[in-house]
Amino acid sequence: MAATGLSRVIAEAGEGGPLYTPAETSQQPTLSAAMLCYITDRRQFPGSPADRESRLLDKIGECAAAGADLVELREKDLCSRDLLALAQKAVVRLPAGSATRLLINSRTDVALACGAHGVHLPAGDLAASEVRAIWDRAGRTHAIIGVSAHTPEEVALAEAHGADFVVFAPVFEKDGRANAPGLVMLRTVCDRPRSAAAFMPVLALGGITLENAATCFAAGASGVAGIRLFQQNSLEKVVKHLRAAFREAAARASSRF
């Protein structure tokens, strides 16, 4: 399977290639494909606790098969022992050679213990640079570290500390309705002046649907993240649709210059 999105960026960086594709008509570099991040919430699945866990693990496997870039295991209600057990099962659902990367929400200790590819940090958590230092001391270089942000200042802070990407929210209302301030803010953070040596992608989160995702790409988002978007739909359909919408938005942006 060809690597796409963040996994392609990581692969090229490891091979000595560019971290991003410079855009000839813009000051901002662009990714060649949309970055797609599934954020888990097993409690939204019906059935018993065992059924929900089984459905969640199946969905993670579906992500890998469809070529989604990231799975963020975000099961905040679990104690450390149960979260680690679930994370270990999630790792197994990603076959060798898969382009999909597993991140653990907030818990660097669990991420290191289960063999995940990295962590996603809530806004106000440890700085990405501090977490990367922890991974380096553990002998685990090349950690993928994402950060949540809700303001331009938080985006700038994440970038300054070397985050690999930021998830910006909320862009839409939870039911997908338009949220003008959210879109304006998304456009603002995507159009920010570059202040770091490497391009940091911004993913849109909050009420993202198949119908409104193109609006996020038009605003400059490098990809999207979501729970229901991925959890309640066919992953193959979602990935195909979003990648096509991203290509169309990129083509329209290029034609304006």
C-alpha atoms as a PDB file:
ATOM      1  CA  MET A   1       0.000   0.000   0.000  1.00  0.00           C
ATOM      2  CA  ALA A   2       1.422   3.383  -0.955  1.00  0.00           C
ATOM      3  CA  ALA A   3       1.997   5.685   2.001  1.00  0.00           C
ATOM      4  CA  THR A   4      -0.144   8.787   2.065  1.00  0.00           C
ATOM      5  CA  GLY A   5      -0.573  11.848   4.232  1.00  0.00           C
ATOM      6  CA  LEU A   6       1.499  11.909   7.411  1.00  0.00           C
ATOM      7  CA  SER A   7       2.787   8.365   6.905  1.00  0.00           C
ATOM      8  CA  ARG A   8       4.179   9.431   3.519  1.00  0.00           C
ATOM      9  CA  VAL A   9       5.820  12.457   5.088  1.00  0.00           C
ATOM     10  CA  ILE A  10       7.389  10.267   7.763  1.00  0.00           C
ATOM     11  CA  ALA A  11       8.571   7.726   5.225  1.00  0.00           C
ATOM     12  CA  GLU A  12      10.176  10.382   3.041  1.00  0.00           C
ATOM     13  CA  ALA A  13      11.827  12.024   6.021  1.00  0.00           C
ATOM     14  CA  GLY A  14      13.317   8.682   6.994  1.00  0.00           C
ATOM     15  CA  GLU A  15      14.647   8.268   3.468  1.00  0.00           C
ATOM     16  CA  GLY A  16      16.225  11.713   3.455  1.00  0.00           C
ATOM     17  CA  GLY A  17      13.457  13.184   1.336  1.00  0.00           C
ATOM     18  CA  PRO A  18      11.497  16.386   1.905  1.00  0.00           C
ATOM     19  CA  LEU A  19       9.103  16.742   4.803  1.00  0.00           C
ATOM     20  CA  TYR A  20       6.676  18.566   2.542  1.00  0.00           C
ATOM     21  CA  THR A  21       6.065  19.542  -1.072  1.00  0.00           C
ATOM     22  CA  PRO A  22       6.765  23.270  -1.522  1.00  0.00           C
ATOM     23  CA  ALA A  23       3.911  25.057  -3.238  1.00  0.00           C
ATOM     24  CA  GLU A  24       5.207  27.220  -6.097  1.00  0.00           C
ATOM     25  CA  THR A  25       2.286  29.648  -5.826  1.00  0.00           C
ATOM     26  CA  SER A  26       2.016  30.022  -2.066  1.00  0.00           C
ATOM     27  CA  GLN A  27       4.162  30.787   0.938  1.00  0.00           C
ATOM     28  CA  GLN A  28       2.730  27.724   2.665  1.00  0.00           C
ATOM     29  CA  PRO A  29       3.922  24.185   1.814  1.00  0.00           C
ATOM     30  CA  THR A  30       1.270  21.564   1.130  1.00  0.00           C
ATOM     31  CA  LEU A  31       0.895  17.840   1.686  1.00  0.00           C
ATOM     32  CA  SER A  32       0.277  15.629  -1.323  1.00  0.00           C
ATOM     33  CA  ALA A  33      -2.724  13.929   0.305  1.00  0.00           C
ATOM     34  CA  ALA A  34      -5.179  14.655   3.089  1.00  0.00           C
ATOM     35  CA  MET A  35      -4.153  13.508   6.560  1.00  0.00           C
ATOM     36  CA  LEU A  36      -6.979  11.502   8.114  1.00  0.00           C
ATOM     37  CA  CYS A  37      -7.244  10.789  11.835  1.00  0.00           C
ATOM     38  CA  TYR A  38      -9.823   8.515  13.458  1.00  0.00           C
ATOM     39  CA  ILE A  39     -10.399   9.386  17.128  1.00  0.00           C
ATOM     40  CA  THR A  40     -11.896   6.458  18.996  1.00  0.00           C
ATOM     41  CA  ASP A  41     -14.830   6.342  21.391  1.00  0.00           C
ATOM     42  CA  ARG A  42     -15.972   2.776  21.982  1.00  0.00           C
ATOM     43  CA  ARG A  43     -18.840   4.010  24.181  1.00  0.00           C
ATOM     44  CA  GLN A  44     -20.654   5.229  21.072  1.00  0.00           C
ATOM     45  CA  PHE A  45     -20.980   1.660  19.815  1.00  0.00           C
ATOM     46  CA  PRO A  46     -24.072  -0.305  20.871  1.00  0.00           C
ATOM     47  CA  GLY A  47     -24.018  -3.479  22.928  1.00  0.00           C
ATOM     48  CA  SER A  48     -22.186  -4.813  25.936  1.00  0.00           C
ATOM     49  CA  PRO A  49     -18.709  -3.608  26.962  1.00  0.00           C
ATOM     50  CA  ALA A  50     -17.219  -6.624  25.216  1.00  0.00           C
ATOM     51  CA  ASP A  51     -19.219  -5.911  22.066  1.00  0.00           C
ATOM     52  CA  ARG A  52     -18.105  -2.293  22.060  1.00  0.00           C
ATOM     53  CA  GLU A  53     -14.469  -3.240  22.412  1.00  0.00           C
ATOM     54  CA  SER A  54     -14.784  -5.763  19.603  1.00  0.00           C
ATOM     55  CA  ARG A  55     -16.426  -3.181  17.323  1.00  0.00           C
ATOM     56  CA  LEU A  56     -13.700  -0.671  18.145  1.00  0.00           C
ATOM     57  CA  LEU A  57     -10.887  -3.074  17.310  1.00  0.00           C
ATOM     58  CA  ASP A  58     -12.630  -4.026  14.069  1.00  0.00           C
ATOM     59  CA  LYS A  59     -12.837  -0.339  13.164  1.00  0.00           C
ATOM     60  CA  ILE A  60      -9.115   0.095  13.827  1.00  0.00           C
ATOM     61  CA  GLY A  61      -8.413  -2.808  11.498  1.00  0.00           C
ATOM     62  CA  GLU A  62     -10.712  -1.201   8.940  1.00  0.00           C
ATOM     63  CA  CYS A  63      -8.687   2.003   9.206  1.00  0.00           C
ATOM     64  CA  ALA A  64      -5.517   0.138   8.369  1.00  0.00           C
ATOM     65  CA  ALA A  65      -7.134  -1.598   5.403  1.00  0.00           C
ATOM     66  CA  ALA A  66      -8.515   1.687   4.060  1.00  0.00           C
ATOM     67  CA  GLY A  67      -5.230   3.574   4.475  1.00  0.00           C
ATOM     68  CA  ALA A  68      -6.221   6.115   7.121  1.00  0.00           C
ATOM     69  CA  ASP A  69      -3.114   7.833   8.463  1.00  0.00           C
ATOM     70  CA  LEU A  70      -3.759   7.938  12.188  1.00  0.00           C
ATOM     71  CA  VAL A  71      -5.795   6.248  14.893  1.00  0.00           C
ATOM     72  CA  GLU A  72      -5.942   8.144  18.167  1.00  0.00           C
ATOM     73  CA  LEU A  73      -6.956   5.798  20.974  1.00  0.00           C
ATOM     74  CA  ARG A  74      -8.935   8.144  23.205  1.00  0.00           C
ATOM     75  CA  GLU A  75     -10.670   6.068  25.878  1.00  0.00           C
ATOM     76  CA  LYS A  76     -10.404   8.387  28.863  1.00  0.00           C
ATOM     77  CA  ASP A  77     -12.720   6.403  31.127  1.00  0.00           C
ATOM     78  CA  LEU A  78     -10.360   3.421  31.326  1.00  0.00           C
ATOM     79  CA  CYS A  79      -7.899   2.882  34.148  1.00  0.00           C
ATOM     80  CA  SER A  80      -4.234   2.503  33.236  1.00  0.00           C
ATOM     81  CA  ARG A  81      -4.330  -1.301  33.235  1.00  0.00           C
ATOM     82  CA  ASP A  82      -7.404  -1.551  31.018  1.00  0.00           C
ATOM     83  CA  LEU A  83      -6.168   1.160  28.666  1.00  0.00           C
ATOM     84  CA  LEU A  84      -2.861  -0.642  28.232  1.00  0.00           C
ATOM     85  CA  ALA A  85      -4.653  -3.934  27.535  1.00  0.00           C
ATOM     86  CA  LEU A  86      -6.834  -2.273  24.899  1.00  0.00           C
ATOM     87  CA  ALA A  87      -3.870  -0.462  23.368  1.00  0.00           C
ATOM     88  CA  GLN A  88      -1.954  -3.723  23.048  1.00  0.00           C
ATOM     89  CA  LYS A  89      -4.912  -5.243  21.196  1.00  0.00           C
ATOM     90  CA  ALA A  90      -5.084  -2.176  18.957  1.00  0.00           C
ATOM     91  CA  VAL A  91      -1.418  -2.540  18.014  1.00  0.00           C
ATOM     92  CA  VAL A  92      -2.086  -6.103  16.887  1.00  0.00           C
ATOM     93  CA  ARG A  93      -4.845  -4.878  14.554  1.00  0.00           C
ATOM     94  CA  LEU A  94      -2.306  -2.885  12.544  1.00  0.00           C
ATOM     95  CA  PRO A  95      -0.569  -5.374  10.245  1.00  0.00           C
ATOM     96  CA  ALA A  96       3.124  -5.215   9.496  1.00  0.00           C
ATOM     97  CA  GLY A  97       3.796  -2.686   6.790  1.00  0.00           C
ATOM     98  CA  SER A  98       0.598  -0.756   7.444  1.00  0.00           C
ATOM     99  CA  ALA A  99       0.733   2.982   6.766  1.00  0.00           C
ATOM    100  CA  THR A 100      -1.640   3.599   9.684  1.00  0.00           C
ATOM    101  CA  ARG A 101      -0.076   4.881  12.889  1.00  0.00           C
ATOM    102  CA  LEU A 102      -1.473   4.404  16.395  1.00  0.00           C
ATOM    103  CA  LEU A 103      -1.365   7.280  18.879  1.00  0.00           C
ATOM    104  CA  ILE A 104      -2.478   7.148  22.509  1.00  0.00           C
ATOM    105  CA  ASN A 105      -4.307  10.174  23.853  1.00  0.00           C
ATOM    106  CA  SER A 106      -2.347  11.909  26.628  1.00  0.00           C
ATOM    107  CA  ARG A 107      -0.761   8.766  28.119  1.00  0.00           C
ATOM    108  CA  THR A 108       2.893   8.710  27.105  1.00  0.00           C
ATOM    109  CA  ASP A 109       3.536   5.856  29.526  1.00  0.00           C
ATOM    110  CA  VAL A 110       0.879   3.659  27.930  1.00  0.00           C
ATOM    111  CA  ALA A 111       2.049   4.573  24.424  1.00  0.00           C
ATOM    112  CA  LEU A 112       5.601   3.503  25.223  1.00  0.00           C
ATOM    113  CA  ALA A 113       4.488   0.327  26.997  1.00  0.00           C
ATOM    114  CA  CYS A 114       2.212  -0.914  24.216  1.00  0.00           C
ATOM    115  CA  GLY A 115       4.494  -0.064  21.304  1.00  0.00           C
ATOM    116  CA  ALA A 116       2.328   2.692  19.794  1.00  0.00           C
ATOM    117  CA  HIS A 117       3.795   5.082  17.259  1.00  0.00           C
ATOM    118  CA  GLY A 118       3.254   8.172  19.393  1.00  0.00           C
ATOM    119  CA  VAL A 119       0.893  10.254  21.474  1.00  0.00           C
ATOM    120  CA  HIS A 120      -1.696  12.968  21.060  1.00  0.00           C
ATOM    121  CA  LEU A 121      -1.530  15.696  23.685  1.00  0.00           C
ATOM    122  CA  PRO A 122      -4.544  17.700  24.854  1.00  0.00           C
ATOM    123  CA  ALA A 123      -4.199  21.482  24.936  1.00  0.00           C
ATOM    124  CA  GLY A 124      -2.450  22.521  28.129  1.00  0.00           C
ATOM    125  CA  ASP A 125      -0.724  19.162  28.592  1.00  0.00           C
ATOM    126  CA  LEU A 126       3.033  18.636  28.534  1.00  0.00           C
ATOM    127  CA  ALA A 127       4.827  20.376  25.689  1.00  0.00           C
ATOM    128  CA  ALA A 128       5.574  18.284  22.607  1.00  0.00           C
ATOM    129  CA  SER A 129       9.300  18.884  23.128  1.00  0.00           C
ATOM    130  CA  GLU A 130       9.127  17.451  26.653  1.00  0.00           C
ATOM    131  CA  VAL A 131       7.278  14.345  25.492  1.00  0.00           C
ATOM    132  CA  ARG A 132       9.707  13.838  22.618  1.00  0.00           C
ATOM    133  CA  ALA A 133      12.579  13.986  25.112  1.00  0.00           C
ATOM    134  CA  ILE A 134      10.882  11.250  27.162  1.00  0.00           C
ATOM    135  CA  TRP A 135      10.603   9.046  24.075  1.00  0.00           C
ATOM    136  CA  ASP A 136      14.216   9.711  23.146  1.00  0.00           C
ATOM    137  CA  ARG A 137      15.391   8.757  26.638  1.00  0.00           C
ATOM    138  CA  ALA A 138      13.410   5.526  26.271  1.00  0.00           C
ATOM    139  CA  GLY A 139      15.289   4.768  23.066  1.00  0.00           C
ATOM    140  CA  ARG A 140      12.188   5.340  20.933  1.00  0.00           C
ATOM    141  CA  THR A 141      13.127   7.960  18.369  1.00  0.00           C
ATOM    142  CA  HIS A 142      10.800   9.171  15.589  1.00  0.00           C
ATOM    143  CA  ALA A 143       7.754   9.438  17.855  1.00  0.00           C
ATOM    144  CA  ILE A 144       4.695  11.033  16.237  1.00  0.00           C
ATOM    145  CA  ILE A 145       3.359  13.761  18.504  1.00  0.00           C
ATOM    146  CA  GLY A 146       0.103  15.559  17.839  1.00  0.00           C
ATOM    147  CA  VAL A 147      -1.363  18.397  19.879  1.00  0.00           C
ATOM    148  CA  SER A 148      -4.905  19.724  20.291  1.00  0.00           C
ATOM    149  CA  ALA A 149      -5.387  23.473  19.902  1.00  0.00           C
ATOM    150  CA  HIS A 150      -8.302  25.887  20.120  1.00  0.00           C
ATOM    151  CA  THR A 151      -6.587  29.232  19.504  1.00  0.00           C
ATOM    152  CA  PRO A 152      -3.864  30.614  17.221  1.00  0.00           C
ATOM    153  CA  GLU A 153      -1.658  30.996  20.278  1.00  0.00           C
ATOM    154  CA  GLU A 154      -1.938  27.298  21.101  1.00  0.00           C
ATOM    155  CA  VAL A 155      -1.145  26.410  17.489  1.00  0.00           C
ATOM    156  CA  ALA A 156       1.962  28.625  17.585  1.00  0.00           C
ATOM    157  CA  LEU A 157       3.068  27.061  20.885  1.00  0.00           C
ATOM    158  CA  ALA A 158       2.673  23.524  19.542  1.00  0.00           C
ATOM    159  CA  GLU A 159       4.670  24.416  16.443  1.00  0.00           C
ATOM    160  CA  ALA A 160       7.411  26.083  18.477  1.00  0.00           C
ATOM    161  CA  HIS A 161       7.792  22.898  20.530  1.00  0.00           C
ATOM    162  CA  GLY A 162       8.107  20.693  17.460  1.00  0.00           C
ATOM    163  CA  ALA A 163       4.707  18.994  17.279  1.00  0.00           C
ATOM    164  CA  ASP A 164       4.264  16.889  14.142  1.00  0.00           C
ATOM    165  CA  PHE A 165       0.734  18.152  13.626  1.00  0.00           C
ATOM    166  CA  VAL A 166      -2.038  20.005  15.419  1.00  0.00           C
ATOM    167  CA  VAL A 167      -5.749  19.223  15.600  1.00  0.00           C
ATOM    168  CA  PHE A 168      -7.704  22.470  15.636  1.00  0.00           C
ATOM    169  CA  ALA A 169     -11.260  22.619  17.014  1.00  0.00           C
ATOM    170  CA  PRO A 170     -14.096  23.300  16.967  1.00  0.00           C
ATOM    171  CA  VAL A 171     -14.661  24.077  13.299  1.00  0.00           C
ATOM    172  CA  PHE A 172     -18.358  23.161  13.019  1.00  0.00           C
ATOM    173  CA  GLU A 173     -21.126  22.499  15.494  1.00  0.00           C
ATOM    174  CA  LYS A 174     -21.412  18.884  16.663  1.00  0.00           C
ATOM    175  CA  ASP A 175     -24.286  18.263  14.248  1.00  0.00           C
ATOM    176  CA  GLY A 176     -22.245  19.596  11.328  1.00  0.00           C
ATOM    177  CA  ARG A 177     -23.961  22.977  11.155  1.00  0.00           C
ATOM    178  CA  ALA A 178     -21.930  25.960  10.025  1.00  0.00           C
ATOM    179  CA  ASN A 179     -19.870  27.762  12.638  1.00  0.00           C
ATOM    180  CA  ALA A 180     -18.552  30.955  11.038  1.00  0.00           C
ATOM    181  CA  PRO A 181     -16.064  31.818  13.827  1.00  0.00           C
ATOM    182  CA  GLY A 182     -14.656  28.290  13.688  1.00  0.00           C
ATOM    183  CA  LEU A 183     -13.997  28.458   9.950  1.00  0.00           C
ATOM    184  CA  VAL A 184     -12.498  31.928  10.201  1.00  0.00           C
ATOM    185  CA  MET A 185     -10.155  30.763  12.957  1.00  0.00           C
ATOM    186  CA  LEU A 186      -9.219  27.634  10.983  1.00  0.00           C
ATOM    187  CA  ARG A 187      -8.302  29.778   8.001  1.00  0.00           C
ATOM    188  CA  THR A 188      -6.270  32.061  10.252  1.00  0.00           C
ATOM    189  CA  VAL A 189      -4.163  29.275  11.744  1.00  0.00           C
ATOM    190  CA  CYS A 190      -3.656  27.618   8.350  1.00  0.00           C
ATOM    191  CA  ASP A 191      -2.456  30.918   6.871  1.00  0.00           C
ATOM    192  CA  ARG A 192      -0.089  31.617   9.771  1.00  0.00           C
ATOM    193  CA  PRO A 193       3.483  32.713   8.985  1.00  0.00           C
ATOM    194  CA  ARG A 194       5.877  29.803   9.167  1.00  0.00           C
ATOM    195  CA  SER A 195       7.954  29.971  12.324  1.00  0.00           C
ATOM    196  CA  ALA A 196       9.432  26.487  12.427  1.00  0.00           C
ATOM    197  CA  ALA A 197      11.991  24.669  10.320  1.00  0.00           C
ATOM    198  CA  ALA A 198       9.467  22.054   9.190  1.00  0.00           C
ATOM    199  CA  PHE A 199       5.895  22.404   8.037  1.00  0.00           C
ATOM    200  CA  MET A 200       3.337  21.498  10.733  1.00  0.00           C
ATOM    201  CA  PRO A 201       0.012  20.308   9.276  1.00  0.00           C
ATOM    202  CA  VAL A 202      -3.276  21.502  10.773  1.00  0.00           C
ATOM    203  CA  LEU A 203      -6.173  19.034  10.956  1.00  0.00           C
ATOM    204  CA  ALA A 204      -9.747  20.251  11.376  1.00  0.00           C
ATOM    205  CA  LEU A 205     -11.951  18.729  14.086  1.00  0.00           C
ATOM    206  CA  GLY A 206     -15.491  19.316  15.280  1.00  0.00           C
ATOM    207  CA  GLY A 207     -18.649  18.394  13.416  1.00  0.00           C
ATOM    208  CA  ILE A 208     -16.749  17.271  10.302  1.00  0.00           C
ATOM    209  CA  THR A 209     -18.892  15.361   7.794  1.00  0.00           C
ATOM    210  CA  LEU A 210     -18.441  14.043   4.284  1.00  0.00           C
ATOM    211  CA  GLU A 211     -20.449  17.041   3.119  1.00  0.00           C
ATOM    212  CA  ASN A 212     -18.516  19.836   4.853  1.00  0.00           C
ATOM    213  CA  ALA A 213     -14.965  18.470   4.856  1.00  0.00           C
ATOM    214  CA  ALA A 214     -14.215  20.214   1.555  1.00  0.00           C
ATOM    215  CA  THR A 215     -14.827  23.542   3.291  1.00  0.00           C
ATOM    216  CA  CYS A 216     -12.015  22.718   5.719  1.00  0.00           C
ATOM    217  CA  PHE A 217      -9.640  21.873   2.882  1.00  0.00           C
ATOM    218  CA  ALA A 218     -10.577  25.117   1.124  1.00  0.00           C
ATOM    219  CA  ALA A 219      -9.688  26.970   4.334  1.00  0.00           C
ATOM    220  CA  GLY A 220      -6.227  25.434   4.227  1.00  0.00           C
ATOM    221  CA  ALA A 221      -6.533  22.380   6.487  1.00  0.00           C
ATOM    222  CA  SER A 222      -4.105  19.575   5.681  1.00  0.00           C
ATOM    223  CA  GLY A 223      -6.627  16.991   6.807  1.00  0.00           C
ATOM    224  CA  VAL A 224      -9.453  16.185   9.183  1.00  0.00           C
ATOM    225  CA  ALA A 225      -9.963  14.300  12.422  1.00  0.00           C
ATOM    226  CA  GLY A 226     -13.162  12.955  13.889  1.00  0.00           C
ATOM    227  CA  ILE A 227     -15.042  10.328  15.830  1.00  0.00           C
ATOM    228  CA  ARG A 228     -18.442   9.852  14.201  1.00  0.00           C
ATOM    229  CA  LEU A 229     -17.127  10.643  10.711  1.00  0.00           C
ATOM    230  CA  PHE A 230     -14.990   7.512  10.802  1.00  0.00           C
ATOM    231  CA  GLN A 231     -16.790   5.411  13.383  1.00  0.00           C
ATOM    232  CA  GLN A 232     -20.266   5.526  11.839  1.00  0.00           C
ATOM    233  CA  ASN A 233     -19.315   5.129   8.173  1.00  0.00           C
ATOM    234  CA  SER A 234     -17.475   2.755   5.889  1.00  0.00           C
ATOM    235  CA  LEU A 235     -13.787   3.630   6.211  1.00  0.00           C
ATOM    236  CA  GLU A 236     -13.115   2.776   2.591  1.00  0.00           C
ATOM    237  CA  LYS A 237     -15.840   5.201   1.507  1.00  0.00           C
ATOM    238  CA  VAL A 238     -14.705   7.924   3.913  1.00  0.00           C
ATOM    239  CA  VAL A 239     -11.042   7.750   2.919  1.00  0.00           C
ATOM    240  CA  LYS A 240     -11.822   7.722  -0.797  1.00  0.00           C
ATOM    241  CA  HIS A 241     -14.247  10.643  -0.504  1.00  0.00           C
ATOM    242  CA  LEU A 242     -11.993  12.806   1.676  1.00  0.00           C
ATOM    243  CA  ARG A 243      -8.896  12.264  -0.414  1.00  0.00           C
ATOM    244  CA  ALA A 244     -10.835  13.196  -3.552  1.00  0.00           C
ATOM    245  CA  ALA A 245     -12.210  16.330  -1.865  1.00  0.00           C
ATOM    246  CA  PHE A 246      -8.685  17.302  -0.800  1.00  0.00           C
ATOM    247  CA  ARG A 247      -7.349  16.915  -4.344  1.00  0.00           C
ATOM    248  CA  GLU A 248     -10.203  19.011  -5.719  1.00  0.00           C
ATOM    249  CA  ALA A 249      -9.601  21.768  -3.159  1.00  0.00           C
ATOM    250  CA  ALA A 250      -5.869  21.783  -3.946  1.00  0.00           C
ATOM    251  CA  ALA A 251      -6.577  22.007  -7.674  1.00  0.00           C
ATOM    252  CA  ARG A 252      -8.955  24.932  -7.192  1.00  0.00           C
ATOM    253  CA  ALA A 253      -6.447  26.740  -4.992  1.00  0.00           C
ATOM    254  CA  SER A 254      -3.693  26.298  -7.594  1.00  0.00           C
ATOM    255  CA  SER A 255      -5.922  27.602 -10.390  1.00  0.00           C
ATOM    256  CA  ARG A 256      -6.397  30.903  -8.568  1.00  0.00           C
ATOM    257  CA  PHE A 257      -2.726  31.813  -8.968  1.00  0.00           C
END
